[in-house]
Amino acid sequence: MSLRILRGTIVSAPALGELDALEDGFLVAEDGVIQGVYETLPPQYAAAEVEDWSGHLILQSFSDMHLHAPQYPMLGMGLDMPLMDWLVAYPFPLEAKYTDTDFARRVYSKLAKDLVERGTTRVCIFSSLHRESTLVLMEELEKAGIIGYAGKVNMDRSMVDYLSETTEESKRETLQWLEDSKRFTNIRPMITPRFTPSCTDELMYFLGDLVKKYDLPVQSHLSENDAEIETVLALCPDCEHYWESYAKRGLWTDRTLMAHCVWSNEQERRAMKDHGVTVVHCGDSNWDLCSGTAPVRDMLNEGVKVCLGSDCAGGDNIDMFHSVVAAIRASKVRHLMDNKQTAFLTVAEAWYLAVSAPNEFFGEKPGFAPGNRLGAMILADDEELAPYPLDAKKRLERAVYRRQKNCIRAVYSGEKKIFAAE
């Protein structure tokens, strides 16, 4: 049996808007699975080694539920452009380079390392349309100790001729990729039509059949931009609403992630709630590309599942502390746009969306719940500069907003410590 005991100030998010804090507590995991959080170490662990992080915060690690791995080298580029123009000018030319698996290895090894150092231990991540480079991405994530899902992008109806695949090629490569993915333990395949404008109906129906046959999760984009929505409705005359372009093709399930949903109206939100679809809110990206500000509070009030993503590289930072702050600020913009009738997100709420809301998608409970896989980070939050003594919840609030350099001292994923600061 592998035993890990962490001692420090333990802060977890057991419910939306709630924080549990235990000063000088113990977090215990056996074989990478959380056994409990304790004020006093239980007798059966009395002789066990304890990693003493007294004075530090022990926090849940992040789940980044939407990002584009091949776009990592172009963070912060072209963000003065609207979405559809930006795709053609920046991401598509870069993604075409991933025919070169050596290039993919250089990018993806660096990305995996950087994610871990920033406290991200779980992802739902897009690759490019290239099968071999997608396998490289999965290898590098697994090697780094990250768990979750990765997707080979499907796009047989591209906006550019140099980054596309035929329908038959997309089907064949997807089937081979699913077979090749069986060798991975912690990074599993996820069906990934880039978005409706890039996939023919024939391909979408094929992917929907795979979802049903193999019980696979799905990730894509929904209602991010008004021009995108107009394109979808023109391409899909059988659909009155964007969401139906996925639902009618078998891609709308309780294991579906839809990124953005900036312009999702009440009817679309109801469809997400009724089918258990999860929204991935990407506040940074929605601002950067002038897409809009998603109605996150309405979604939460209506019972829609919501979590957060960095959306590299529409978002300009893979640090999920940054994404938490972006979600808060986006909600405050929405608050003002709605004549202050809509409540903005608190720190505790946005933190929950980043660290606990994704747990349901991964079959777990919120917080440091017994039975969850261990995902934790140790935060040194520089108390010397505090204006007065801070309790654990105020320390977390300050850490979220300050995003101090080198504040993460260690990261744990399952049985392993996958990062230790020098």
Protein backbone atom coordinates (compact mmCIF):
# COMPACT_ATOMS: atom_id res chain seq x y z
CA MET A 1 0.00 0.00 0.00
CA SER A 2 1.17 3.51 -0.86
CA LEU A 3 0.40 6.00 1.92
CA ARG A 4 0.61 9.79 1.71
CA ILE A 5 -0.18 12.16 4.58
CA LEU A 6 -0.08 15.92 4.08
CA ARG A 7 -0.20 18.31 7.03
CA GLY A 8 -1.08 21.99 6.70
CA THR A 9 -4.00 24.39 6.36
CA ILE A 10 -6.47 22.43 4.25
CA VAL A 11 -9.04 24.33 2.16
CA SER A 12 -11.62 22.57 0.00
CA ALA A 13 -14.79 23.50 -1.92
CA PRO A 14 -17.57 21.04 -0.98
CA ALA A 15 -20.39 23.02 -2.63
CA LEU A 16 -20.90 26.08 -4.81
CA GLY A 17 -19.99 29.15 -2.78
CA GLU A 18 -18.77 27.16 0.23
CA LEU A 19 -15.23 26.71 1.52
CA ASP A 20 -14.20 24.27 4.25
CA ALA A 21 -11.01 25.25 6.04
CA LEU A 22 -9.05 23.28 8.61
CA GLU A 23 -6.02 24.87 10.25
CA ASP A 24 -3.21 22.40 10.93
CA GLY A 25 -5.12 19.44 9.54
CA PHE A 26 -4.15 16.15 7.91
CA LEU A 27 -5.08 14.97 4.41
CA VAL A 28 -4.64 11.20 4.05
CA ALA A 29 -4.53 9.18 0.82
CA GLU A 30 -3.91 5.48 0.29
CA ASP A 31 -2.82 4.24 -3.13
CA GLY A 32 -3.63 7.68 -4.51
CA VAL A 33 -7.21 7.67 -3.15
CA ILE A 34 -8.33 10.14 -0.47
CA GLN A 35 -9.30 8.52 2.83
CA GLY A 36 -10.24 11.68 4.67
CA VAL A 37 -9.36 15.06 6.16
CA TYR A 38 -8.68 14.98 9.90
CA GLU A 39 -8.10 17.44 12.75
CA THR A 40 -6.08 14.75 14.53
CA LEU A 41 -4.27 11.94 12.76
CA PRO A 42 -6.15 8.64 13.27
CA PRO A 43 -4.31 6.04 15.39
CA GLN A 44 -3.74 3.68 12.47
CA TYR A 45 -1.51 6.32 10.87
CA ALA A 46 0.37 7.29 14.06
CA ALA A 47 3.66 5.75 12.93
CA ALA A 48 3.41 6.89 9.31
CA GLU A 49 5.58 9.53 7.69
CA VAL A 50 3.93 12.94 7.41
CA GLU A 51 4.85 15.60 4.85
CA ASP A 52 4.72 18.73 6.96
CA TRP A 53 3.46 21.80 5.08
CA SER A 54 2.60 23.78 8.20
CA GLY A 55 2.02 27.43 7.35
CA HIS A 56 1.09 26.54 3.76
CA LEU A 57 -2.31 26.08 2.14
CA ILE A 58 -3.22 22.61 0.93
CA LEU A 59 -5.68 23.13 -1.93
CA GLN A 60 -7.46 20.99 -4.49
CA SER A 61 -5.61 20.98 -7.78
CA PHE A 62 -7.16 22.39 -10.95
CA SER A 63 -9.07 20.73 -13.77
CA ASP A 64 -8.71 22.62 -17.06
CA MET A 65 -11.76 21.46 -18.96
CA HIS A 66 -11.09 23.16 -22.28
CA LEU A 67 -7.82 23.98 -24.02
CA HIS A 68 -6.19 23.47 -27.41
CA ALA A 69 -2.79 21.82 -26.96
CA PRO A 70 -1.37 22.61 -30.44
CA GLN A 71 -2.06 26.32 -29.93
CA TYR A 72 0.24 26.60 -26.91
CA PRO A 73 3.12 28.27 -28.84
CA MET A 74 0.83 31.12 -29.92
CA LEU A 75 -0.52 32.30 -26.57
CA GLY A 76 -1.26 36.02 -26.76
CA MET A 77 -1.19 36.25 -30.56
CA GLY A 78 -3.78 37.80 -32.86
CA LEU A 79 -6.28 38.63 -30.16
CA ASP A 80 -7.42 41.83 -31.83
CA MET A 81 -9.36 39.71 -34.33
CA PRO A 82 -12.85 38.17 -34.19
CA LEU A 83 -13.05 34.40 -33.76
CA MET A 84 -13.58 33.19 -37.31
CA ASP A 85 -10.90 35.46 -38.80
CA TRP A 86 -8.50 34.60 -35.98
CA LEU A 87 -8.85 30.86 -36.64
CA VAL A 88 -7.76 31.28 -40.25
CA ALA A 89 -4.94 33.70 -39.49
CA TYR A 90 -3.36 32.00 -36.47
CA PRO A 91 -4.49 28.57 -35.13
CA PHE A 92 -4.99 26.84 -38.48
CA PRO A 93 -1.50 27.59 -39.89
CA LEU A 94 0.08 26.52 -36.60
CA GLU A 95 -1.96 23.33 -36.30
CA ALA A 96 -0.88 22.33 -39.80
CA LYS A 97 2.67 21.94 -38.42
CA TYR A 98 1.64 18.95 -36.34
CA THR A 99 2.25 16.56 -39.20
CA ASP A 100 5.73 16.70 -37.65
CA THR A 101 5.69 14.52 -34.53
CA ASP A 102 9.08 15.84 -33.39
CA PHE A 103 7.59 19.34 -33.30
CA ALA A 104 4.59 17.94 -31.46
CA ARG A 105 6.87 16.30 -28.88
CA ARG A 106 8.70 19.56 -28.17
CA VAL A 107 5.48 21.50 -27.71
CA TYR A 108 3.53 18.91 -25.76
CA SER A 109 6.32 18.00 -23.33
CA LYS A 110 6.66 21.69 -22.46
CA LEU A 111 2.90 22.14 -22.18
CA ALA A 112 2.52 19.16 -19.84
CA LYS A 113 5.34 20.42 -17.62
CA ASP A 114 3.90 23.93 -17.49
CA LEU A 115 0.39 22.69 -16.66
CA VAL A 116 1.69 20.67 -13.72
CA GLU A 117 3.79 23.53 -12.37
CA ARG A 118 0.64 25.67 -12.34
CA GLY A 119 -1.36 23.14 -10.35
CA THR A 120 -3.39 21.52 -13.15
CA THR A 121 -3.66 17.75 -12.77
CA ARG A 122 -6.74 17.00 -14.92
CA VAL A 123 -7.64 18.12 -18.43
CA CYS A 124 -10.11 17.74 -21.24
CA ILE A 125 -7.93 18.80 -24.13
CA PHE A 126 -8.06 19.19 -27.91
CA SER A 127 -5.22 17.97 -30.08
CA SER A 128 -5.05 18.63 -33.83
CA LEU A 129 -6.53 16.39 -36.52
CA HIS A 130 -3.25 14.42 -36.73
CA ARG A 131 -3.52 10.95 -35.19
CA GLU A 132 0.17 10.40 -34.46
CA SER A 133 0.67 13.80 -32.85
CA THR A 134 -2.46 13.23 -30.76
CA LEU A 135 -0.87 10.06 -29.42
CA VAL A 136 2.27 12.07 -28.63
CA LEU A 137 0.12 14.51 -26.64
CA MET A 138 -1.45 11.66 -24.69
CA GLU A 139 1.99 10.18 -23.97
CA GLU A 140 3.37 13.46 -22.65
CA LEU A 141 0.35 14.16 -20.46
CA GLU A 142 0.42 10.68 -18.98
CA LYS A 143 4.17 10.86 -18.42
CA ALA A 144 3.71 14.14 -16.52
CA GLY A 145 1.11 12.61 -14.18
CA ILE A 146 -1.89 14.43 -15.64
CA ILE A 147 -5.15 12.53 -16.01
CA GLY A 148 -8.27 13.13 -18.08
CA TYR A 149 -9.29 13.08 -21.73
CA ALA A 150 -7.71 14.10 -25.03
CA GLY A 151 -9.30 14.30 -28.45
CA LYS A 152 -8.12 13.88 -32.01
CA VAL A 153 -9.89 16.75 -33.75
CA ASN A 154 -12.28 15.90 -36.58
CA MET A 155 -12.72 18.40 -39.42
CA ASP A 156 -13.65 17.21 -42.89
CA ARG A 157 -15.23 20.54 -43.82
CA SER A 158 -12.44 23.00 -43.19
CA MET A 159 -12.22 26.73 -43.76
CA VAL A 160 -8.72 26.20 -45.27
CA ASP A 161 -7.49 23.52 -47.65
CA TYR A 162 -4.15 22.90 -45.90
CA LEU A 163 -5.77 21.73 -42.65
CA SER A 164 -8.51 19.28 -43.45
CA GLU A 165 -9.22 15.61 -43.93
CA THR A 166 -11.63 13.76 -46.16
CA THR A 167 -14.64 12.20 -44.53
CA GLU A 168 -13.30 8.69 -45.08
CA GLU A 169 -9.86 9.66 -43.83
CA SER A 170 -11.36 11.19 -40.69
CA LYS A 171 -13.38 8.04 -40.00
CA ARG A 172 -10.40 5.74 -40.60
CA GLU A 173 -7.95 7.79 -38.55
CA THR A 174 -10.40 8.12 -35.67
CA LEU A 175 -10.95 4.37 -35.50
CA GLN A 176 -7.21 3.71 -35.56
CA TRP A 177 -6.63 6.38 -32.90
CA LEU A 178 -9.21 4.77 -30.62
CA GLU A 179 -7.42 1.45 -31.03
CA ASP A 180 -3.99 3.02 -30.40
CA SER A 181 -5.30 4.81 -27.29
CA LYS A 182 -5.91 1.53 -25.47
CA ARG A 183 -2.31 1.58 -24.27
CA PHE A 184 -2.89 4.60 -22.03
CA THR A 185 -4.01 4.32 -18.43
CA ASN A 186 -4.83 7.85 -17.29
CA ILE A 187 -5.40 9.78 -20.52
CA ARG A 188 -8.40 8.43 -22.36
CA PRO A 189 -9.91 9.30 -25.77
CA MET A 190 -12.71 11.82 -26.20
CA ILE A 191 -14.68 12.37 -29.38
CA THR A 192 -13.81 15.86 -30.64
CA PRO A 193 -15.59 17.37 -33.63
CA ARG A 194 -13.92 20.78 -33.72
CA PHE A 195 -17.28 22.44 -34.12
CA THR A 196 -20.24 22.02 -36.41
CA PRO A 197 -18.90 24.30 -39.20
CA SER A 198 -15.86 22.03 -39.62
CA CYS A 199 -17.71 18.69 -39.87
CA THR A 200 -20.11 17.30 -42.44
CA ASP A 201 -23.33 15.64 -41.33
CA GLU A 202 -21.98 12.27 -42.47
CA LEU A 203 -18.98 12.61 -40.18
CA MET A 204 -21.07 13.89 -37.27
CA TYR A 205 -23.44 10.93 -37.49
CA PHE A 206 -20.43 8.58 -37.61
CA LEU A 207 -18.97 10.17 -34.48
CA GLY A 208 -22.34 9.95 -32.75
CA ASP A 209 -22.43 6.22 -33.52
CA LEU A 210 -18.97 5.83 -31.95
CA VAL A 211 -20.13 7.66 -28.84
CA LYS A 212 -23.02 5.25 -28.43
CA LYS A 213 -21.08 2.10 -29.34
CA TYR A 214 -18.07 2.74 -27.09
CA ASP A 215 -19.66 5.00 -24.43
CA LEU A 216 -17.27 7.84 -25.20
CA PRO A 217 -17.35 11.42 -23.89
CA VAL A 218 -17.62 14.37 -26.30
CA GLN A 219 -16.12 17.85 -26.40
CA SER A 220 -16.77 20.70 -28.81
CA HIS A 221 -17.83 24.36 -29.04
CA LEU A 222 -21.24 25.97 -28.83
CA SER A 223 -22.63 29.47 -29.39
CA GLU A 224 -19.32 31.25 -28.93
CA ASN A 225 -19.77 33.94 -31.54
CA ASP A 226 -22.68 35.38 -33.53
CA ALA A 227 -21.01 34.75 -36.91
CA GLU A 228 -20.40 31.13 -35.91
CA ILE A 229 -24.06 30.67 -34.99
CA GLU A 230 -25.20 32.09 -38.33
CA THR A 231 -22.84 29.71 -40.14
CA VAL A 232 -24.20 26.69 -38.29
CA LEU A 233 -27.83 27.50 -39.01
CA ALA A 234 -27.01 28.00 -42.70
CA LEU A 235 -25.19 24.64 -42.87
CA CYS A 236 -27.85 22.72 -40.94
CA PRO A 237 -31.31 23.53 -42.33
CA ASP A 238 -32.78 20.73 -40.20
CA CYS A 239 -31.84 22.63 -37.03
CA GLU A 240 -33.60 25.62 -35.53
CA HIS A 241 -30.93 26.00 -32.86
CA TYR A 242 -27.15 25.44 -32.78
CA TRP A 243 -27.34 22.77 -30.08
CA GLU A 244 -29.53 20.58 -32.30
CA SER A 245 -26.63 20.15 -34.73
CA TYR A 246 -25.00 18.02 -32.03
CA ALA A 247 -28.11 16.51 -30.48
CA LYS A 248 -29.55 15.18 -33.74
CA ARG A 249 -26.20 13.50 -34.53
CA GLY A 250 -25.88 11.64 -31.20
CA LEU A 251 -23.32 13.99 -29.63
CA TRP A 252 -25.50 15.52 -26.90
CA THR A 253 -25.23 13.40 -23.73
CA ASP A 254 -24.49 13.71 -20.03
CA ARG A 255 -20.83 13.16 -20.95
CA THR A 256 -20.69 16.10 -23.37
CA LEU A 257 -18.65 19.23 -22.73
CA MET A 258 -19.57 22.37 -24.65
CA ALA A 259 -17.13 25.25 -24.45
CA HIS A 260 -18.19 28.91 -24.27
CA CYS A 261 -21.99 29.05 -24.67
CA VAL A 262 -21.71 32.84 -24.66
CA TRP A 263 -24.91 33.31 -26.62
CA SER A 264 -26.87 30.31 -25.33
CA ASN A 265 -30.45 31.45 -24.87
CA GLU A 266 -32.93 30.09 -22.36
CA GLN A 267 -34.05 27.32 -24.72
CA GLU A 268 -30.49 26.15 -25.36
CA ARG A 269 -29.67 26.28 -21.65
CA ARG A 270 -32.75 24.18 -20.91
CA ALA A 271 -31.59 21.61 -23.44
CA MET A 272 -28.21 21.45 -21.69
CA LYS A 273 -29.81 20.97 -18.29
CA ASP A 274 -32.28 18.35 -19.51
CA HIS A 275 -29.54 16.26 -21.11
CA GLY A 276 -26.82 16.79 -18.49
CA VAL A 277 -24.48 18.62 -20.86
CA THR A 278 -21.69 20.55 -19.12
CA VAL A 279 -20.76 24.13 -20.07
CA VAL A 280 -17.07 25.06 -19.97
CA HIS A 281 -16.83 28.77 -19.30
CA CYS A 282 -13.72 30.46 -20.70
CA GLY A 283 -13.90 34.07 -19.56
CA ASP A 284 -10.48 35.10 -20.87
CA SER A 285 -11.07 33.82 -24.36
CA ASN A 286 -14.53 35.35 -24.61
CA TRP A 287 -13.07 38.76 -23.86
CA ASP A 288 -9.90 38.36 -25.91
CA LEU A 289 -11.80 37.54 -29.09
CA CYS A 290 -14.67 39.93 -28.31
CA SER A 291 -17.16 37.08 -28.37
CA GLY A 292 -19.18 38.33 -25.41
CA THR A 293 -19.82 37.51 -21.74
CA ALA A 294 -21.54 34.22 -20.94
CA PRO A 295 -24.62 34.23 -18.68
CA VAL A 296 -22.99 31.99 -16.07
CA ARG A 297 -25.23 33.06 -13.19
CA ASP A 298 -28.34 32.25 -15.23
CA MET A 299 -26.87 28.85 -16.04
CA LEU A 300 -26.15 28.08 -12.40
CA ASN A 301 -29.58 29.30 -11.27
CA GLU A 302 -31.23 27.11 -13.90
CA GLY A 303 -29.31 23.99 -12.87
CA VAL A 304 -26.89 23.82 -15.81
CA LYS A 305 -23.54 22.24 -14.96
CA VAL A 306 -20.66 24.71 -15.37
CA CYS A 307 -16.89 24.42 -14.99
CA LEU A 308 -13.90 26.44 -16.22
CA GLY A 309 -11.31 26.20 -18.98
CA SER A 310 -8.30 28.28 -19.98
CA ASP A 311 -9.05 27.88 -23.71
CA CYS A 312 -5.42 28.15 -24.73
CA ALA A 313 -4.88 30.02 -27.04
CA GLY A 314 -8.06 32.06 -27.36
CA GLY A 315 -7.38 32.55 -23.69
CA ASP A 316 -3.94 34.05 -23.14
CA ASN A 317 -2.83 32.06 -20.07
CA ILE A 318 -2.90 28.40 -18.98
CA ASP A 319 -2.70 29.35 -15.29
CA MET A 320 -6.09 28.43 -13.85
CA PHE A 321 -5.70 31.01 -11.09
CA HIS A 322 -5.98 33.43 -13.99
CA SER A 323 -9.09 31.65 -15.28
CA VAL A 324 -10.75 31.90 -11.86
CA VAL A 325 -10.19 35.66 -11.78
CA ALA A 326 -11.36 35.97 -15.39
CA ALA A 327 -14.60 34.19 -14.49
CA ILE A 328 -15.19 36.54 -11.56
CA ARG A 329 -14.49 39.66 -13.62
CA ALA A 330 -16.61 38.44 -16.53
CA SER A 331 -19.49 37.91 -14.13
CA LYS A 332 -19.06 41.45 -12.82
CA VAL A 333 -19.25 42.77 -16.37
CA ARG A 334 -22.44 40.75 -16.79
CA HIS A 335 -23.70 42.17 -13.48
CA LEU A 336 -23.27 45.70 -14.85
CA MET A 337 -24.72 44.80 -18.27
CA ASP A 338 -27.82 43.42 -16.53
CA ASN A 339 -28.33 46.65 -14.54
CA LYS A 340 -27.03 44.93 -11.42
CA GLN A 341 -29.93 42.48 -11.44
CA THR A 342 -27.61 39.49 -11.89
CA ALA A 343 -25.34 38.53 -9.01
CA PHE A 344 -21.66 38.22 -9.89
CA LEU A 345 -19.53 35.23 -8.91
CA THR A 346 -17.78 35.28 -5.55
CA VAL A 347 -14.25 33.93 -5.14
CA ALA A 348 -15.64 30.84 -3.42
CA GLU A 349 -18.04 30.20 -6.33
CA ALA A 350 -15.45 30.66 -9.07
CA TRP A 351 -12.97 28.52 -7.13
CA TYR A 352 -15.58 25.75 -6.92
CA LEU A 353 -16.05 25.87 -10.71
CA ALA A 354 -12.30 25.38 -11.18
CA VAL A 355 -11.57 22.65 -8.65
CA SER A 356 -14.80 20.85 -7.65
CA ALA A 357 -17.42 21.27 -10.38
CA PRO A 358 -15.37 19.08 -12.78
CA ASN A 359 -15.39 16.21 -10.26
CA GLU A 360 -18.85 15.10 -11.34
CA PHE A 361 -17.66 14.71 -14.93
CA PHE A 362 -14.87 12.44 -13.65
CA GLY A 363 -17.25 10.42 -11.49
CA GLU A 364 -16.23 11.97 -8.18
CA LYS A 365 -17.67 14.13 -5.41
CA PRO A 366 -16.81 17.79 -4.68
CA GLY A 367 -13.94 18.77 -2.41
CA PHE A 368 -11.42 16.42 -0.80
CA ALA A 369 -14.11 13.74 -0.51
CA PRO A 370 -13.13 10.21 0.56
CA GLY A 371 -12.93 7.99 -2.52
CA ASN A 372 -11.72 10.79 -4.81
CA ARG A 373 -8.38 10.47 -6.52
CA LEU A 374 -5.82 12.69 -4.79
CA GLY A 375 -5.32 15.96 -6.63
CA ALA A 376 -3.69 18.60 -4.46
CA MET A 377 -1.33 21.55 -4.56
CA ILE A 378 0.68 23.24 -1.84
CA LEU A 379 0.55 27.02 -1.84
CA ALA A 380 2.98 29.38 -0.09
CA ASP A 381 1.07 32.64 0.11
CA ASP A 382 3.60 35.05 1.65
CA GLU A 383 1.81 35.91 4.88
CA GLU A 384 4.50 38.40 5.85
CA LEU A 385 2.86 41.04 3.66
CA ALA A 386 -0.63 40.59 5.11
CA PRO A 387 -2.10 43.80 6.62
CA TYR A 388 -3.44 41.79 9.58
CA PRO A 389 -3.76 38.08 10.47
CA LEU A 390 -5.76 36.28 7.79
CA ASP A 391 -7.89 33.18 8.15
CA ALA A 392 -7.56 30.43 5.57
CA LYS A 393 -10.46 31.64 3.43
CA LYS A 394 -9.06 35.16 3.19
CA ARG A 395 -5.65 33.73 2.37
CA LEU A 396 -7.17 31.83 -0.53
CA GLU A 397 -9.04 34.90 -1.76
CA ARG A 398 -5.85 36.93 -1.75
CA ALA A 399 -3.90 34.15 -3.47
CA VAL A 400 -6.51 33.94 -6.24
CA TYR A 401 -6.27 37.62 -7.04
CA ARG A 402 -2.53 38.07 -6.53
CA ARG A 403 -1.38 34.97 -8.42
CA GLN A 404 2.03 35.22 -6.81
CA LYS A 405 5.03 34.01 -8.78
CA ASN A 406 6.39 30.63 -7.67
CA CYS A 407 3.71 30.27 -5.00
CA ILE A 408 3.00 26.59 -5.81
CA ARG A 409 5.51 24.47 -3.91
CA ALA A 410 4.28 20.96 -4.73
CA VAL A 411 1.59 19.17 -6.75
CA TYR A 412 0.17 15.68 -6.18
CA SER A 413 -1.75 13.48 -8.59
CA GLY A 414 -2.86 10.06 -7.43
CA GLU A 415 0.02 8.23 -5.81
CA LYS A 416 2.67 10.60 -7.13
CA LYS A 417 4.15 13.96 -6.23
CA ILE A 418 4.42 15.26 -9.80
CA PHE A 419 5.98 18.63 -9.03
CA ALA A 420 8.27 19.92 -6.31
CA ALA A 421 9.62 23.48 -6.38
CA GLU A 422 13.35 23.88 -6.06
